[in-house]
């Protein structure tokens, strides 16, 4: 029996090489956006990365691009309050503001939510959102919120599990079961998962290949 939401695997060496070539190019910071009127022109394909506090989003983006300091990892959750755009060849990589910060002031949280909703609903060039889930903890209520927002915005999203190296194999299988069950409620969920570790390099080639195929 085929499991729902199996782990993604590249179709072959050609896909891996396409991903390697794409990310071998120069990645440059374009701008940080705090209001919807500051978004760059939607003249190229883009993918975005969303994740809750301390999920390892900056570390994953840095591992993908091979630039350790590209996406700054803030020690204090909630410090990144901008939509950050990076150029990579003919497309954008977009680092979305984190979500689920219990200690942030309510007006700040509401502002982030409005910006995220406006971005997700309005970017016709957005090919896919990658929702990062901590492989140690699985889907949390705050993750359900962002996935529901992606559903309502009709944006296809793919779950990327981070920090896989922190788990024993049995723990990972338990989390995968929980994630698969949670995703069954979300029609916008892409039907494959990506298991990654920024520290060990697990899944990085696979994720690069997926992004290279989204033109």
Protein backbone atom coordinates (compact mmCIF):
# COMPACT_ATOMS: atom_id res chain seq x y z
CA UNK A 1 0.00 0.00 0.00
CA UNK A 2 1.30 3.45 -0.92
CA UNK A 3 1.39 5.86 1.97
CA UNK A 4 -0.32 9.21 1.55
CA UNK A 5 2.24 12.02 1.35
CA UNK A 6 5.31 9.86 0.67
CA UNK A 7 8.82 11.28 1.00
CA UNK A 8 9.87 13.06 -2.19
CA UNK A 9 12.62 11.58 -4.31
CA UNK A 10 14.12 13.17 -7.45
CA UNK A 11 13.27 11.34 -10.69
CA UNK A 12 16.93 10.89 -11.50
CA UNK A 13 20.39 12.43 -11.85
CA UNK A 14 19.15 15.05 -14.32
CA UNK A 15 16.84 16.60 -11.72
CA UNK A 16 19.59 16.59 -9.09
CA UNK A 17 21.98 18.26 -11.55
CA UNK A 18 19.38 20.90 -12.47
CA UNK A 19 19.02 21.76 -8.79
CA UNK A 20 22.76 21.85 -8.28
CA UNK A 21 23.24 24.19 -11.25
CA UNK A 22 20.48 26.53 -10.14
CA UNK A 23 21.86 26.91 -6.63
CA UNK A 24 25.46 27.10 -7.83
CA UNK A 25 24.61 30.56 -9.17
CA UNK A 26 24.83 33.77 -7.20
CA UNK A 27 22.09 34.38 -4.64
CA UNK A 28 21.62 38.01 -3.71
CA UNK A 29 19.46 39.83 -1.20
CA UNK A 30 17.02 42.09 -3.07
CA UNK A 31 14.96 43.82 -0.38
CA UNK A 32 12.99 43.44 2.82
CA UNK A 33 9.32 44.35 2.53
CA UNK A 34 7.21 45.62 5.42
CA UNK A 35 4.14 46.76 3.44
CA UNK A 36 2.39 45.29 0.43
CA UNK A 37 3.19 48.29 -1.79
CA UNK A 38 6.89 47.52 -1.36
CA UNK A 39 6.75 44.14 -3.12
CA UNK A 40 9.01 43.80 -6.17
CA UNK A 41 7.46 43.30 -9.60
CA UNK A 42 5.93 39.86 -10.13
CA UNK A 43 7.94 39.39 -13.34
CA UNK A 44 9.56 36.08 -12.40
CA UNK A 45 8.64 32.83 -10.71
CA UNK A 46 9.07 32.66 -6.96
CA UNK A 47 8.84 30.20 -4.11
CA UNK A 48 8.39 31.13 -0.47
CA UNK A 49 9.36 29.58 2.85
CA UNK A 50 7.12 29.78 5.92
CA UNK A 51 7.75 28.45 9.39
CA UNK A 52 7.08 29.04 13.03
CA UNK A 53 9.55 30.18 15.66
CA UNK A 54 12.88 28.32 15.73
CA UNK A 55 11.90 25.79 13.06
CA UNK A 56 15.23 26.28 11.28
CA UNK A 57 14.04 28.32 8.30
CA UNK A 58 17.12 30.54 8.03
CA UNK A 59 19.44 27.55 8.40
CA UNK A 60 17.62 25.69 5.63
CA UNK A 61 17.74 28.65 3.23
CA UNK A 62 21.44 29.08 3.98
CA UNK A 63 22.04 25.37 3.34
CA UNK A 64 20.16 25.47 0.04
CA UNK A 65 22.09 28.46 -1.25
CA UNK A 66 25.44 27.56 0.26
CA UNK A 67 25.71 31.00 1.87
CA UNK A 68 25.88 30.73 5.65
CA UNK A 69 24.93 34.32 6.39
CA UNK A 70 22.34 34.89 3.66
CA UNK A 71 19.22 34.46 5.79
CA UNK A 72 20.03 35.75 9.25
CA UNK A 73 18.99 33.46 12.07
CA UNK A 74 17.69 35.66 14.87
CA UNK A 75 18.24 34.39 18.42
CA UNK A 76 15.06 36.12 19.56
CA UNK A 77 11.93 34.64 17.97
CA UNK A 78 9.90 37.22 16.10
CA UNK A 79 12.70 39.59 15.18
CA UNK A 80 12.28 38.97 11.46
CA UNK A 81 9.24 41.08 10.61
CA UNK A 82 9.84 41.54 6.90
CA UNK A 83 9.21 39.55 3.75
CA UNK A 84 12.77 39.09 2.49
CA UNK A 85 13.37 38.62 -1.24
CA UNK A 86 16.47 36.95 -2.67
CA UNK A 87 17.25 36.64 -6.38
CA UNK A 88 18.47 33.32 -7.73
CA UNK A 89 18.98 33.15 -11.50
CA UNK A 90 15.56 33.85 -13.03
CA UNK A 91 13.47 33.58 -9.87
CA UNK A 92 12.94 34.79 -6.33
CA UNK A 93 13.37 32.92 -3.08
CA UNK A 94 11.13 34.53 -0.46
CA UNK A 95 11.65 34.27 3.30
CA UNK A 96 8.32 35.01 4.99
CA UNK A 97 8.03 36.47 8.48
CA UNK A 98 7.78 33.79 11.14
CA UNK A 99 4.49 33.05 12.79
CA UNK A 100 3.27 31.79 16.15
CA UNK A 101 5.09 34.18 18.46
CA UNK A 102 3.30 34.14 21.77
CA UNK A 103 5.43 36.96 23.20
CA UNK A 104 4.97 39.43 20.35
CA UNK A 105 2.59 42.38 20.93
CA UNK A 106 -0.84 41.80 19.43
CA UNK A 107 -0.66 44.77 17.00
CA UNK A 108 2.63 43.37 15.64
CA UNK A 109 1.11 39.93 15.15
CA UNK A 110 -1.93 41.43 13.40
CA UNK A 111 0.32 43.43 11.09
CA UNK A 112 2.29 40.31 10.14
CA UNK A 113 -0.94 38.42 9.48
CA UNK A 114 -2.31 41.18 7.22
CA UNK A 115 0.95 41.34 5.28
CA UNK A 116 1.10 37.56 4.87
CA UNK A 117 -2.52 37.35 3.71
CA UNK A 118 -2.04 40.16 1.20
CA UNK A 119 1.15 38.58 -0.13
CA UNK A 120 -0.26 35.07 -0.45
CA UNK A 121 -3.49 36.22 -2.07
CA UNK A 122 -1.86 38.60 -4.52
CA UNK A 123 1.30 36.98 -5.95
CA UNK A 124 0.28 35.38 -9.26
CA UNK A 125 3.92 34.33 -9.84
CA UNK A 126 4.12 32.31 -6.60
CA UNK A 127 4.71 28.73 -7.69
CA UNK A 128 4.78 27.01 -4.30
CA UNK A 129 5.00 27.70 -0.60
CA UNK A 130 7.23 25.47 1.51
CA UNK A 131 5.87 25.10 5.04
CA UNK A 132 8.61 24.07 7.44
CA UNK A 133 7.70 21.69 10.25
CA UNK A 134 10.11 20.65 13.02
CA UNK A 135 10.67 16.90 12.64
CA UNK A 136 10.87 16.58 16.44
CA UNK A 137 7.40 18.02 17.08
CA UNK A 138 5.19 17.61 14.00
CA UNK A 139 2.29 19.88 13.08
CA UNK A 140 1.30 22.37 15.79
CA UNK A 141 -1.88 24.52 15.95
CA UNK A 142 0.02 27.55 14.62
CA UNK A 143 1.08 25.46 11.61
CA UNK A 144 -2.57 24.56 11.00
CA UNK A 145 -3.31 28.29 10.85
CA UNK A 146 -0.78 29.01 8.11
CA UNK A 147 -1.87 25.93 6.15
CA UNK A 148 -5.50 27.03 6.36
CA UNK A 149 -4.46 30.46 5.12
CA UNK A 150 -2.69 28.83 2.17
CA UNK A 151 -5.83 26.78 1.45
CA UNK A 152 -8.02 29.87 1.39
CA UNK A 153 -5.48 31.69 -0.79
CA UNK A 154 -5.38 28.74 -3.24
CA UNK A 155 -1.60 28.47 -2.88
CA UNK A 156 -0.09 25.01 -3.26
CA UNK A 157 2.17 24.24 -0.32
CA UNK A 158 4.62 21.45 0.40
CA UNK A 159 5.70 20.45 3.89
CA UNK A 160 9.43 20.32 4.55
CA UNK A 161 10.43 18.64 7.80
CA UNK A 162 13.51 20.21 9.38
CA UNK A 163 16.07 19.05 11.96
CA UNK A 164 15.65 15.39 10.99
CA UNK A 165 19.09 14.64 12.43
CA UNK A 166 17.79 15.36 15.94
CA UNK A 167 15.48 12.31 15.89
CA UNK A 168 15.80 8.57 16.19
CA UNK A 169 14.27 6.72 13.23
CA UNK A 170 11.28 5.59 15.32
CA UNK A 171 10.56 9.18 16.37
CA UNK A 172 10.67 10.37 12.78
CA UNK A 173 8.18 7.70 11.72
CA UNK A 174 5.79 8.77 14.48
CA UNK A 175 6.01 12.39 13.38
CA UNK A 176 5.54 11.48 9.73
CA UNK A 177 2.34 9.63 10.65
CA UNK A 178 1.07 12.69 12.54
CA UNK A 179 1.98 15.07 9.70
CA UNK A 180 0.33 12.88 7.05
CA UNK A 181 -2.87 12.75 9.07
CA UNK A 182 -2.85 16.53 9.54
CA UNK A 183 -2.26 17.22 5.85
CA UNK A 184 -5.24 15.10 4.83
CA UNK A 185 -7.47 18.03 5.83
CA UNK A 186 -5.72 20.53 3.55
CA UNK A 187 -6.63 20.45 -0.15
CA UNK A 188 -3.76 22.81 -1.08
CA UNK A 189 -1.12 20.41 0.30
CA UNK A 190 1.25 19.00 -2.33
CA UNK A 191 1.23 15.20 -1.97
CA UNK A 192 4.92 14.68 -1.11
CA UNK A 193 7.00 15.51 1.96
CA UNK A 194 10.66 16.50 2.12
CA UNK A 195 12.76 15.36 5.09
CA UNK A 196 15.77 17.61 5.70
CA UNK A 197 18.65 18.42 7.98
CA UNK A 198 20.55 21.66 7.36
CA UNK A 199 23.38 20.37 9.57
CA UNK A 200 23.83 17.02 7.83
CA UNK A 201 22.73 18.05 4.34
CA UNK A 202 19.89 15.52 4.31
CA UNK A 203 17.27 16.30 1.67
CA UNK A 204 19.00 19.45 0.41
CA UNK A 205 19.63 18.02 -3.07
CA UNK A 206 16.01 16.87 -3.26
CA UNK A 207 14.63 20.27 -2.29
CA UNK A 208 16.95 22.03 -4.75
CA UNK A 209 15.70 19.73 -7.52
CA UNK A 210 12.07 20.46 -6.64
CA UNK A 211 12.65 24.22 -6.74
CA UNK A 212 14.56 23.96 -10.03
CA UNK A 213 11.51 22.23 -11.53
CA UNK A 214 9.17 25.08 -10.56
CA UNK A 215 9.74 27.58 -13.34
